[in-house]
Amino acid sequence: MELVPTRRLEMVTGRSHPDLAVEIAQCLGISLGETNLREFADSEIHCRYGSSIRGVDLFIVQTHAAPVNDSIMEQLIMIDAAKRASAKRITAVCPYYGYSRQDRKSTGREPITAKLVADLFSAAGADRVVSVDLHSGQIQGFFDGPVDHLTAAPVLLDYLRREQSSGAVVVAPDAGRVKVAESFAQKLGADLALVHKRRQGPRSDQVEARDIVGDVKDRCCVIIDDIIGTAGTVCAAAERLTEEGATEVWAMATHAVLSGPALDRLKAAPISRVIVTNTLPLPPERRIDKIEVLSVAKIIADAIDAVFEDTSVSEIFGGQNLL
């Protein structure tokens, strides 16, 4: 007698961004499992799954939103609980991967915290990691297991094709984003420009945009970035582009961290639209008129389905998700 093992997909979520997890589950046509997360009086986190997860293919969704340390620790605890409950395979789905900007040493006596977080996920028992638009591709190498690196580019490109007429210029806000901006420009059939920026210090949010490489005069400029943190980079770039004669400036990014003075800077900057995705929660009171939020739930759902079915994730993006 030959026994054919059954396979079960289960998805659970932490508390950092439940709305995104619900949307992903709806795209997959499944219901979220129960994690029964709670905190003890001293703020320690406790997790207990509401039903048996023995032998399941478990996807634990948690974006690393502020407070980042709490979000990461909560996901690690959910992974540990799943491992001890005999889940067959555990995939950590991190739409926004915390500490991703600390991916190298820029000065002496610094940590490489993106690697530390990767080690924590491995130690907790994650077999696989799924994330969207990592700050740098090298972070994939920090994990010992497989990493599925998704990109929000299809969603952002669809928006630009729908909303932007011909003649726009795609702008890289610094040298590190040139490859991504070039890819956007090629797919849109648009011109490319580059902003030469300089920070006041290695970890400063004070940015000076010095020069523009490319023709932006009398053009609509679309700044492409992965993260809008304190918004120093995109706002400095927008001001410089306006000085060079740009008629309109849009800022487009995957992750709306929007920390510190970001919202005030965006309000004051010569930027008419700020287009971001929902990898991070953005409550209504923080959605200023300029901000438009696009959903990446379908992209993440398609990746989860591909991982579960053991099919190609990169084919979702035509093999162009590794920029």
C-alpha atoms as a PDB file:
ATOM      1  CA  MET A   1       0.000   0.000   0.000  1.00  0.00           C
ATOM      2  CA  GLU A   2       1.374   3.387  -1.003  1.00  0.00           C
ATOM      3  CA  LEU A   3       0.449   6.403   1.099  1.00  0.00           C
ATOM      4  CA  VAL A   4       0.239   9.736  -0.691  1.00  0.00           C
ATOM      5  CA  PRO A   5       0.961  12.531   1.778  1.00  0.00           C
ATOM      6  CA  THR A   6      -1.468  15.441   1.759  1.00  0.00           C
ATOM      7  CA  ARG A   7      -0.150  18.987   1.661  1.00  0.00           C
ATOM      8  CA  ARG A   8      -1.685  21.874   3.537  1.00  0.00           C
ATOM      9  CA  LEU A   9      -1.018  25.580   3.169  1.00  0.00           C
ATOM     10  CA  GLU A  10      -1.572  27.696   6.264  1.00  0.00           C
ATOM     11  CA  MET A  11      -0.966  31.410   6.635  1.00  0.00           C
ATOM     12  CA  VAL A  12      -0.828  33.417   9.845  1.00  0.00           C
ATOM     13  CA  THR A  13       0.026  37.008  10.618  1.00  0.00           C
ATOM     14  CA  GLY A  14       1.558  39.053  13.363  1.00  0.00           C
ATOM     15  CA  ARG A  15       0.109  42.324  14.574  1.00  0.00           C
ATOM     16  CA  SER A  16       2.249  44.834  12.665  1.00  0.00           C
ATOM     17  CA  HIS A  17       0.097  44.991   9.492  1.00  0.00           C
ATOM     18  CA  PRO A  18      -2.923  42.652   9.648  1.00  0.00           C
ATOM     19  CA  ASP A  19      -4.754  44.478   6.833  1.00  0.00           C
ATOM     20  CA  LEU A  20      -2.116  43.428   4.301  1.00  0.00           C
ATOM     21  CA  ALA A  21      -2.204  39.819   5.531  1.00  0.00           C
ATOM     22  CA  VAL A  22      -6.007  39.715   5.180  1.00  0.00           C
ATOM     23  CA  GLU A  23      -5.712  41.040   1.621  1.00  0.00           C
ATOM     24  CA  ILE A  24      -3.071  38.406   0.758  1.00  0.00           C
ATOM     25  CA  ALA A  25      -5.280  35.654   2.208  1.00  0.00           C
ATOM     26  CA  GLN A  26      -8.221  36.882   0.143  1.00  0.00           C
ATOM     27  CA  CYS A  27      -6.096  36.707  -3.019  1.00  0.00           C
ATOM     28  CA  LEU A  28      -5.202  33.112  -2.128  1.00  0.00           C
ATOM     29  CA  GLY A  29      -8.775  32.223  -1.213  1.00  0.00           C
ATOM     30  CA  ILE A  30      -7.851  31.051   2.290  1.00  0.00           C
ATOM     31  CA  SER A  31      -8.510  32.109   5.873  1.00  0.00           C
ATOM     32  CA  LEU A  32      -5.828  33.249   8.286  1.00  0.00           C
ATOM     33  CA  GLY A  33      -4.919  30.882  11.098  1.00  0.00           C
ATOM     34  CA  GLU A  34      -5.079  31.852  14.768  1.00  0.00           C
ATOM     35  CA  THR A  35      -1.888  32.799  16.588  1.00  0.00           C
ATOM     36  CA  ASN A  36      -3.479  34.058  19.820  1.00  0.00           C
ATOM     37  CA  LEU A  37      -0.714  36.603  20.325  1.00  0.00           C
ATOM     38  CA  ARG A  38      -0.697  38.397  23.652  1.00  0.00           C
ATOM     39  CA  GLU A  39       1.695  40.128  26.002  1.00  0.00           C
ATOM     40  CA  PHE A  40       2.458  39.356  29.614  1.00  0.00           C
ATOM     41  CA  ALA A  41       2.454  42.135  32.185  1.00  0.00           C
ATOM     42  CA  ASP A  42       6.200  42.699  31.659  1.00  0.00           C
ATOM     43  CA  SER A  43       5.642  43.077  27.850  1.00  0.00           C
ATOM     44  CA  GLU A  44       7.018  39.625  26.899  1.00  0.00           C
ATOM     45  CA  ILE A  45       5.217  38.235  23.839  1.00  0.00           C
ATOM     46  CA  HIS A  46       3.394  34.897  23.878  1.00  0.00           C
ATOM     47  CA  CYS A  47       2.043  32.900  20.915  1.00  0.00           C
ATOM     48  CA  ARG A  48      -0.111  29.784  20.820  1.00  0.00           C
ATOM     49  CA  TYR A  49      -1.549  28.472  17.557  1.00  0.00           C
ATOM     50  CA  GLY A  50      -5.285  27.893  17.714  1.00  0.00           C
ATOM     51  CA  SER A  51      -5.221  24.554  15.889  1.00  0.00           C
ATOM     52  CA  SER A  52      -2.744  21.845  14.928  1.00  0.00           C
ATOM     53  CA  ILE A  53      -0.128  22.887  12.374  1.00  0.00           C
ATOM     54  CA  ARG A  54       1.729  19.574  12.352  1.00  0.00           C
ATOM     55  CA  GLY A  55       3.001  18.854   8.852  1.00  0.00           C
ATOM     56  CA  VAL A  56       1.701  22.065   7.278  1.00  0.00           C
ATOM     57  CA  ASP A  57       3.463  24.451   4.914  1.00  0.00           C
ATOM     58  CA  LEU A  58       3.238  27.544   7.124  1.00  0.00           C
ATOM     59  CA  PHE A  59       3.657  31.140   5.921  1.00  0.00           C
ATOM     60  CA  ILE A  60       4.148  33.681   8.722  1.00  0.00           C
ATOM     61  CA  VAL A  61       3.451  37.222   7.482  1.00  0.00           C
ATOM     62  CA  GLN A  62       4.931  40.108   9.422  1.00  0.00           C
ATOM     63  CA  THR A  63       6.210  43.364   8.009  1.00  0.00           C
ATOM     64  CA  HIS A  64       8.842  45.022  10.176  1.00  0.00           C
ATOM     65  CA  ALA A  65       6.945  48.203  10.953  1.00  0.00           C
ATOM     66  CA  ALA A  66       7.650  50.499  13.887  1.00  0.00           C
ATOM     67  CA  PRO A  67       8.357  49.575  16.598  1.00  0.00           C
ATOM     68  CA  VAL A  68      10.708  47.500  14.440  1.00  0.00           C
ATOM     69  CA  ASN A  69      12.260  45.495  17.270  1.00  0.00           C
ATOM     70  CA  ASP A  70       8.839  44.391  18.523  1.00  0.00           C
ATOM     71  CA  SER A  71       7.747  43.380  15.014  1.00  0.00           C
ATOM     72  CA  ILE A  72      10.865  41.284  14.444  1.00  0.00           C
ATOM     73  CA  MET A  73      10.734  39.647  17.868  1.00  0.00           C
ATOM     74  CA  GLU A  74       7.058  38.792  17.452  1.00  0.00           C
ATOM     75  CA  GLN A  75       7.770  37.065  14.138  1.00  0.00           C
ATOM     76  CA  LEU A  76      10.698  35.144  15.641  1.00  0.00           C
ATOM     77  CA  ILE A  77       8.448  33.917  18.452  1.00  0.00           C
ATOM     78  CA  MET A  78       5.802  32.793  15.955  1.00  0.00           C
ATOM     79  CA  ILE A  79       8.487  30.911  14.006  1.00  0.00           C
ATOM     80  CA  ASP A  80       9.801  29.214  17.146  1.00  0.00           C
ATOM     81  CA  ALA A  81       6.279  28.198  18.198  1.00  0.00           C
ATOM     82  CA  ALA A  82       5.631  26.762  14.730  1.00  0.00           C
ATOM     83  CA  LYS A  83       8.870  24.785  14.722  1.00  0.00           C
ATOM     84  CA  ARG A  84       8.059  23.286  18.127  1.00  0.00           C
ATOM     85  CA  ALA A  85       4.532  22.474  16.861  1.00  0.00           C
ATOM     86  CA  SER A  86       6.068  20.377  14.041  1.00  0.00           C
ATOM     87  CA  ALA A  87       5.205  22.548  11.036  1.00  0.00           C
ATOM     88  CA  LYS A  88       6.730  20.871   7.984  1.00  0.00           C
ATOM     89  CA  ARG A  89       8.134  24.008   6.368  1.00  0.00           C
ATOM     90  CA  ILE A  90       8.160  27.549   7.756  1.00  0.00           C
ATOM     91  CA  THR A  91       8.392  30.561   5.467  1.00  0.00           C
ATOM     92  CA  ALA A  92       8.880  34.020   6.955  1.00  0.00           C
ATOM     93  CA  VAL A  93       7.113  36.558   4.761  1.00  0.00           C
ATOM     94  CA  CYS A  94       8.614  39.990   5.480  1.00  0.00           C
ATOM     95  CA  PRO A  95       7.179  42.547   3.023  1.00  0.00           C
ATOM     96  CA  TYR A  96       9.545  45.103   4.557  1.00  0.00           C
ATOM     97  CA  TYR A  97      12.738  43.613   5.989  1.00  0.00           C
ATOM     98  CA  GLY A  98      13.896  45.518   9.074  1.00  0.00           C
ATOM     99  CA  TYR A  99      17.479  46.761   9.462  1.00  0.00           C
ATOM    100  CA  SER A 100      17.979  46.362   5.698  1.00  0.00           C
ATOM    101  CA  ARG A 101      19.800  49.709   5.452  1.00  0.00           C
ATOM    102  CA  GLN A 102      22.537  48.462   7.801  1.00  0.00           C
ATOM    103  CA  ASP A 103      23.875  46.016   5.221  1.00  0.00           C
ATOM    104  CA  ARG A 104      27.565  46.976   5.347  1.00  0.00           C
ATOM    105  CA  LYS A 105      30.081  48.889   7.434  1.00  0.00           C
ATOM    106  CA  SER A 106      30.370  52.476   6.263  1.00  0.00           C
ATOM    107  CA  THR A 107      32.626  53.484   9.170  1.00  0.00           C
ATOM    108  CA  GLY A 108      34.625  51.615  11.783  1.00  0.00           C
ATOM    109  CA  ARG A 109      33.140  49.897  14.842  1.00  0.00           C
ATOM    110  CA  GLU A 110      29.673  49.433  13.301  1.00  0.00           C
ATOM    111  CA  PRO A 111      27.451  46.326  13.137  1.00  0.00           C
ATOM    112  CA  ILE A 112      26.061  44.757   9.973  1.00  0.00           C
ATOM    113  CA  THR A 113      22.612  44.406  11.470  1.00  0.00           C
ATOM    114  CA  ALA A 114      20.900  43.098   8.326  1.00  0.00           C
ATOM    115  CA  LYS A 115      23.096  39.998   8.684  1.00  0.00           C
ATOM    116  CA  LEU A 116      22.328  39.719  12.408  1.00  0.00           C
ATOM    117  CA  VAL A 117      18.571  39.684  11.711  1.00  0.00           C
ATOM    118  CA  ALA A 118      19.103  37.011   9.039  1.00  0.00           C
ATOM    119  CA  ASP A 119      20.944  34.865  11.596  1.00  0.00           C
ATOM    120  CA  LEU A 120      18.082  35.311  14.052  1.00  0.00           C
ATOM    121  CA  PHE A 121      15.565  34.005  11.515  1.00  0.00           C
ATOM    122  CA  SER A 122      17.738  30.979  10.796  1.00  0.00           C
ATOM    123  CA  ALA A 123      18.196  30.270  14.512  1.00  0.00           C
ATOM    124  CA  ALA A 124      14.447  30.586  15.148  1.00  0.00           C
ATOM    125  CA  GLY A 125      13.717  27.938  12.530  1.00  0.00           C
ATOM    126  CA  ALA A 126      12.670  29.727   9.335  1.00  0.00           C
ATOM    127  CA  ASP A 127      13.298  27.511   6.292  1.00  0.00           C
ATOM    128  CA  ARG A 128      12.718  30.257   3.758  1.00  0.00           C
ATOM    129  CA  VAL A 129      12.270  34.038   3.572  1.00  0.00           C
ATOM    130  CA  VAL A 130      10.094  36.065   1.211  1.00  0.00           C
ATOM    131  CA  SER A 131      10.584  39.836   1.031  1.00  0.00           C
ATOM    132  CA  VAL A 132       9.811  42.764  -1.261  1.00  0.00           C
ATOM    133  CA  ASP A 133      12.457  45.117  -2.663  1.00  0.00           C
ATOM    134  CA  LEU A 134      15.334  44.541  -0.279  1.00  0.00           C
ATOM    135  CA  HIS A 135      17.470  47.647   0.165  1.00  0.00           C
ATOM    136  CA  SER A 136      20.335  45.826  -1.548  1.00  0.00           C
ATOM    137  CA  GLY A 137      20.464  42.486  -3.326  1.00  0.00           C
ATOM    138  CA  GLN A 138      23.445  41.344  -1.265  1.00  0.00           C
ATOM    139  CA  ILE A 139      21.140  40.797   1.729  1.00  0.00           C
ATOM    140  CA  GLN A 140      19.975  37.578   0.061  1.00  0.00           C
ATOM    141  CA  GLY A 141      23.442  36.190   0.715  1.00  0.00           C
ATOM    142  CA  PHE A 142      23.107  36.818   4.449  1.00  0.00           C
ATOM    143  CA  PHE A 143      20.685  33.868   4.717  1.00  0.00           C
ATOM    144  CA  ASP A 144      21.791  30.249   4.683  1.00  0.00           C
ATOM    145  CA  GLY A 145      18.454  29.135   3.209  1.00  0.00           C
ATOM    146  CA  PRO A 146      16.549  30.252   0.099  1.00  0.00           C
ATOM    147  CA  VAL A 147      15.290  33.830  -0.235  1.00  0.00           C
ATOM    148  CA  ASP A 148      12.553  34.849  -2.658  1.00  0.00           C
ATOM    149  CA  HIS A 149      13.191  38.470  -3.540  1.00  0.00           C
ATOM    150  CA  LEU A 150      10.005  40.033  -4.882  1.00  0.00           C
ATOM    151  CA  THR A 151       9.680  43.450  -6.447  1.00  0.00           C
ATOM    152  CA  ALA A 152       6.841  45.960  -6.499  1.00  0.00           C
ATOM    153  CA  ALA A 153       7.942  47.144  -9.961  1.00  0.00           C
ATOM    154  CA  PRO A 154       4.927  45.635 -11.844  1.00  0.00           C
ATOM    155  CA  VAL A 155       2.487  47.579  -9.634  1.00  0.00           C
ATOM    156  CA  LEU A 156       4.473  50.822  -9.894  1.00  0.00           C
ATOM    157  CA  LEU A 157       4.956  50.485 -13.653  1.00  0.00           C
ATOM    158  CA  ASP A 158       1.245  49.844 -14.208  1.00  0.00           C
ATOM    159  CA  TYR A 159       0.503  53.049 -12.305  1.00  0.00           C
ATOM    160  CA  LEU A 160       2.946  55.069 -14.412  1.00  0.00           C
ATOM    161  CA  ARG A 161       1.605  53.666 -17.683  1.00  0.00           C
ATOM    162  CA  ARG A 162      -1.917  54.565 -16.569  1.00  0.00           C
ATOM    163  CA  GLU A 163      -1.249  58.014 -15.102  1.00  0.00           C
ATOM    164  CA  GLN A 164       1.779  59.391 -16.898  1.00  0.00           C
ATOM    165  CA  SER A 165       1.840  60.607 -20.483  1.00  0.00           C
ATOM    166  CA  SER A 166       4.897  60.288 -22.699  1.00  0.00           C
ATOM    167  CA  GLY A 167       7.824  62.616 -22.123  1.00  0.00           C
ATOM    168  CA  ALA A 168       8.451  61.790 -18.456  1.00  0.00           C
ATOM    169  CA  VAL A 169      11.978  61.378 -17.114  1.00  0.00           C
ATOM    170  CA  VAL A 170      12.791  58.595 -14.655  1.00  0.00           C
ATOM    171  CA  VAL A 171      15.198  59.905 -12.013  1.00  0.00           C
ATOM    172  CA  ALA A 172      17.593  57.944  -9.797  1.00  0.00           C
ATOM    173  CA  PRO A 173      17.939  59.939  -6.540  1.00  0.00           C
ATOM    174  CA  ASP A 174      21.486  58.611  -6.019  1.00  0.00           C
ATOM    175  CA  ALA A 175      24.037  56.337  -7.664  1.00  0.00           C
ATOM    176  CA  GLY A 176      22.757  53.274  -5.801  1.00  0.00           C
ATOM    177  CA  ARG A 177      19.388  53.387  -7.557  1.00  0.00           C
ATOM    178  CA  VAL A 178      20.627  53.873 -11.122  1.00  0.00           C
ATOM    179  CA  LYS A 179      20.161  50.226 -12.132  1.00  0.00           C
ATOM    180  CA  VAL A 180      16.551  50.142 -10.924  1.00  0.00           C
ATOM    181  CA  ALA A 181      15.731  53.540 -12.452  1.00  0.00           C
ATOM    182  CA  GLU A 182      17.291  52.428 -15.737  1.00  0.00           C
ATOM    183  CA  SER A 183      15.089  49.325 -15.744  1.00  0.00           C
ATOM    184  CA  PHE A 184      11.988  51.489 -15.206  1.00  0.00           C
ATOM    185  CA  ALA A 185      13.055  53.860 -17.975  1.00  0.00           C
ATOM    186  CA  GLN A 186      13.585  50.998 -20.444  1.00  0.00           C
ATOM    187  CA  LYS A 187      10.192  49.461 -19.717  1.00  0.00           C
ATOM    188  CA  LEU A 188       8.451  52.836 -20.059  1.00  0.00           C
ATOM    189  CA  GLY A 189      10.469  53.998 -23.045  1.00  0.00           C
ATOM    190  CA  ALA A 190      11.439  57.070 -21.010  1.00  0.00           C
ATOM    191  CA  ASP A 191      14.630  59.064 -20.536  1.00  0.00           C
ATOM    192  CA  LEU A 192      16.856  58.616 -17.487  1.00  0.00           C
ATOM    193  CA  ALA A 193      18.411  61.208 -15.189  1.00  0.00           C
ATOM    194  CA  LEU A 194      20.622  60.959 -12.096  1.00  0.00           C
ATOM    195  CA  VAL A 195      20.935  63.152  -9.027  1.00  0.00           C
ATOM    196  CA  HIS A 196      24.393  63.453  -7.499  1.00  0.00           C
ATOM    197  CA  LYS A 197      23.830  63.724  -3.752  1.00  0.00           C
ATOM    198  CA  ARG A 198      26.035  64.139  -0.701  1.00  0.00           C
ATOM    199  CA  ARG A 199      25.141  63.450   2.931  1.00  0.00           C
ATOM    200  CA  GLN A 200      26.364  65.735   5.690  1.00  0.00           C
ATOM    201  CA  GLY A 201      27.576  62.628   7.576  1.00  0.00           C
ATOM    202  CA  PRO A 202      27.612  58.836   7.084  1.00  0.00           C
ATOM    203  CA  ARG A 203      24.315  58.347   8.959  1.00  0.00           C
ATOM    204  CA  SER A 204      22.863  61.827   8.586  1.00  0.00           C
ATOM    205  CA  ASP A 205      19.403  62.487   7.158  1.00  0.00           C
ATOM    206  CA  GLN A 206      20.625  65.882   5.914  1.00  0.00           C
ATOM    207  CA  VAL A 207      21.141  65.514   2.169  1.00  0.00           C
ATOM    208  CA  GLU A 208      22.509  67.935  -0.394  1.00  0.00           C
ATOM    209  CA  ALA A 209      21.572  67.365  -4.058  1.00  0.00           C
ATOM    210  CA  ARG A 210      24.466  68.815  -6.000  1.00  0.00           C
ATOM    211  CA  ASP A 211      24.151  68.098  -9.723  1.00  0.00           C
ATOM    212  CA  ILE A 212      21.671  66.634 -12.215  1.00  0.00           C
ATOM    213  CA  VAL A 213      22.905  64.362 -14.993  1.00  0.00           C
ATOM    214  CA  GLY A 214      20.336  64.325 -17.800  1.00  0.00           C
ATOM    215  CA  ASP A 215      17.835  66.671 -19.437  1.00  0.00           C
ATOM    216  CA  VAL A 216      14.932  67.499 -17.103  1.00  0.00           C
ATOM    217  CA  LYS A 217      13.975  70.993 -18.274  1.00  0.00           C
ATOM    218  CA  ASP A 218      10.239  71.327 -19.026  1.00  0.00           C
ATOM    219  CA  ARG A 219       9.700  67.642 -18.183  1.00  0.00           C
ATOM    220  CA  CYS A 220       7.779  65.692 -15.556  1.00  0.00           C
ATOM    221  CA  CYS A 221      10.319  63.865 -13.389  1.00  0.00           C
ATOM    222  CA  VAL A 222       9.554  60.629 -11.520  1.00  0.00           C
ATOM    223  CA  ILE A 223      12.013  59.851  -8.700  1.00  0.00           C
ATOM    224  CA  ILE A 224      12.325  56.093  -8.149  1.00  0.00           C
ATOM    225  CA  ASP A 225      13.541  54.808  -4.762  1.00  0.00           C
ATOM    226  CA  ASP A 226      13.041  51.743  -2.574  1.00  0.00           C
ATOM    227  CA  ILE A 227      12.471  53.495   0.770  1.00  0.00           C
ATOM    228  CA  ILE A 228      11.226  56.908   1.819  1.00  0.00           C
ATOM    229  CA  GLY A 229      12.596  57.211   5.345  1.00  0.00           C
ATOM    230  CA  THR A 230      13.001  60.750   6.601  1.00  0.00           C
ATOM    231  CA  ALA A 231      12.405  61.911   2.985  1.00  0.00           C
ATOM    232  CA  GLY A 232      15.661  63.892   2.928  1.00  0.00           C
ATOM    233  CA  THR A 233      16.854  62.290  -0.318  1.00  0.00           C
ATOM    234  CA  VAL A 234      13.679  62.649  -2.397  1.00  0.00           C
ATOM    235  CA  CYS A 235      12.948  66.174  -1.165  1.00  0.00           C
ATOM    236  CA  ALA A 236      16.487  67.398  -1.889  1.00  0.00           C
ATOM    237  CA  ALA A 237      16.296  65.793  -5.326  1.00  0.00           C
ATOM    238  CA  ALA A 238      12.899  67.380  -6.020  1.00  0.00           C
ATOM    239  CA  GLU A 239      14.178  70.841  -5.115  1.00  0.00           C
ATOM    240  CA  ARG A 240      17.202  70.447  -7.384  1.00  0.00           C
ATOM    241  CA  LEU A 241      15.070  69.117 -10.256  1.00  0.00           C
ATOM    242  CA  THR A 242      12.742  72.104  -9.922  1.00  0.00           C
ATOM    243  CA  GLU A 243      15.717  74.466 -10.000  1.00  0.00           C
ATOM    244  CA  GLU A 244      16.796  72.765 -13.238  1.00  0.00           C
ATOM    245  CA  GLY A 245      13.412  73.495 -14.825  1.00  0.00           C
ATOM    246  CA  ALA A 246      11.325  70.389 -14.194  1.00  0.00           C
ATOM    247  CA  THR A 247       7.627  71.205 -14.583  1.00  0.00           C
ATOM    248  CA  GLU A 248       6.414  68.537 -12.131  1.00  0.00           C
ATOM    249  CA  VAL A 249       8.056  66.057  -9.750  1.00  0.00           C
ATOM    250  CA  TRP A 250       6.649  62.742  -8.516  1.00  0.00           C
ATOM    251  CA  ALA A 251       8.263  60.551  -5.867  1.00  0.00           C
ATOM    252  CA  MET A 252       7.749  56.795  -6.088  1.00  0.00           C
ATOM    253  CA  ALA A 253       8.955  54.160  -3.601  1.00  0.00           C
ATOM    254  CA  THR A 254       8.066  50.690  -2.366  1.00  0.00           C
ATOM    255  CA  HIS A 255       8.399  51.192   1.393  1.00  0.00           C
ATOM    256  CA  ALA A 256       6.784  54.192   3.116  1.00  0.00           C
ATOM    257  CA  VAL A 257       8.775  54.254   6.355  1.00  0.00           C
ATOM    258  CA  LEU A 258       8.065  58.003   6.741  1.00  0.00           C
ATOM    259  CA  SER A 259       9.901  58.497  10.001  1.00  0.00           C
ATOM    260  CA  GLY A 260      10.792  61.687  11.884  1.00  0.00           C
ATOM    261  CA  PRO A 261      10.324  64.831   9.785  1.00  0.00           C
ATOM    262  CA  ALA A 262       9.267  62.942   6.625  1.00  0.00           C
ATOM    263  CA  LEU A 263       5.661  64.116   6.395  1.00  0.00           C
ATOM    264  CA  ASP A 264       6.534  67.764   7.039  1.00  0.00           C
ATOM    265  CA  ARG A 265       9.289  67.618   4.445  1.00  0.00           C
ATOM    266  CA  LEU A 266       6.991  66.036   1.848  1.00  0.00           C
ATOM    267  CA  LYS A 267       4.313  68.676   2.483  1.00  0.00           C
ATOM    268  CA  ALA A 268       6.809  71.484   1.926  1.00  0.00           C
ATOM    269  CA  ALA A 269       8.682  69.922  -1.008  1.00  0.00           C
ATOM    270  CA  PRO A 270       7.879  70.695  -4.669  1.00  0.00           C
ATOM    271  CA  ILE A 271       6.486  67.169  -5.136  1.00  0.00           C
ATOM    272  CA  SER A 272       2.958  66.814  -6.514  1.00  0.00           C
ATOM    273  CA  ARG A 273       2.543  63.049  -5.962  1.00  0.00           C
ATOM    274  CA  VAL A 274       4.079  60.513  -3.587  1.00  0.00           C
ATOM    275  CA  ILE A 275       3.297  56.976  -4.748  1.00  0.00           C
ATOM    276  CA  VAL A 276       4.089  54.146  -2.322  1.00  0.00           C
ATOM    277  CA  THR A 277       2.904  50.588  -1.675  1.00  0.00           C
ATOM    278  CA  ASN A 278       1.283  48.973   1.341  1.00  0.00           C
ATOM    279  CA  THR A 279       4.278  46.910   2.467  1.00  0.00           C
ATOM    280  CA  LEU A 280       4.096  49.075   5.599  1.00  0.00           C
ATOM    281  CA  PRO A 281       0.941  50.298   7.336  1.00  0.00           C
ATOM    282  CA  LEU A 282       0.030  53.925   6.754  1.00  0.00           C
ATOM    283  CA  PRO A 283      -2.867  54.999   8.973  1.00  0.00           C
ATOM    284  CA  PRO A 284      -5.363  57.555   7.607  1.00  0.00           C
ATOM    285  CA  GLU A 285      -4.030  60.356   9.805  1.00  0.00           C
ATOM    286  CA  ARG A 286      -0.612  60.048   8.114  1.00  0.00           C
ATOM    287  CA  ARG A 287      -1.925  59.957   4.555  1.00  0.00           C
ATOM    288  CA  ILE A 288      -1.384  63.504   3.399  1.00  0.00           C
ATOM    289  CA  ASP A 289      -3.087  64.603   0.178  1.00  0.00           C
ATOM    290  CA  LYS A 290       0.026  63.953  -1.913  1.00  0.00           C
ATOM    291  CA  ILE A 291       0.292  60.280  -0.929  1.00  0.00           C
ATOM    292  CA  GLU A 292      -1.228  57.457  -2.984  1.00  0.00           C
ATOM    293  CA  VAL A 293      -0.940  53.851  -1.750  1.00  0.00           C
ATOM    294  CA  LEU A 294      -0.837  50.870  -4.131  1.00  0.00           C
ATOM    295  CA  SER A 295      -1.305  47.258  -3.065  1.00  0.00           C
ATOM    296  CA  VAL A 296       1.309  44.507  -3.441  1.00  0.00           C
ATOM    297  CA  ALA A 297      -0.949  41.824  -1.935  1.00  0.00           C
ATOM    298  CA  LYS A 298      -1.449  40.049  -5.290  1.00  0.00           C
ATOM    299  CA  ILE A 299       2.310  39.868  -5.906  1.00  0.00           C
ATOM    300  CA  ILE A 300       2.959  38.380  -2.457  1.00  0.00           C
ATOM    301  CA  ALA A 301       0.022  35.971  -2.836  1.00  0.00           C
ATOM    302  CA  ASP A 302       1.338  34.761  -6.200  1.00  0.00           C
ATOM    303  CA  ALA A 303       4.775  34.189  -4.636  1.00  0.00           C
ATOM    304  CA  ILE A 304       3.294  32.244  -1.713  1.00  0.00           C
ATOM    305  CA  ASP A 305       1.326  30.091  -4.153  1.00  0.00           C
ATOM    306  CA  ALA A 306       4.470  29.440  -6.225  1.00  0.00           C
ATOM    307  CA  VAL A 307       6.491  28.470  -3.134  1.00  0.00           C
ATOM    308  CA  PHE A 308       3.748  26.119  -1.966  1.00  0.00           C
ATOM    309  CA  GLU A 309       3.397  24.518  -5.402  1.00  0.00           C
ATOM    310  CA  ASP A 310       7.193  24.342  -5.890  1.00  0.00           C
ATOM    311  CA  THR A 311       7.024  26.402  -9.079  1.00  0.00           C
ATOM    312  CA  SER A 312       9.141  29.357 -10.171  1.00  0.00           C
ATOM    313  CA  VAL A 313       8.812  32.650  -8.318  1.00  0.00           C
ATOM    314  CA  SER A 314      10.991  34.579 -10.750  1.00  0.00           C
ATOM    315  CA  GLU A 315       8.631  33.731 -13.615  1.00  0.00           C
ATOM    316  CA  ILE A 316       6.037  35.963 -11.933  1.00  0.00           C
ATOM    317  CA  PHE A 317       8.317  38.872 -12.866  1.00  0.00           C
ATOM    318  CA  GLY A 318       9.651  37.499 -16.123  1.00  0.00           C
ATOM    319  CA  GLY A 319      12.954  36.768 -14.417  1.00  0.00           C
ATOM    320  CA  GLN A 320      13.534  40.445 -13.638  1.00  0.00           C
ATOM    321  CA  ASN A 321      13.078  40.504  -9.871  1.00  0.00           C
ATOM    322  CA  LEU A 322      16.750  40.497  -8.899  1.00  0.00           C
ATOM    323  CA  LEU A 323      17.724  44.128  -9.507  1.00  0.00           C
END
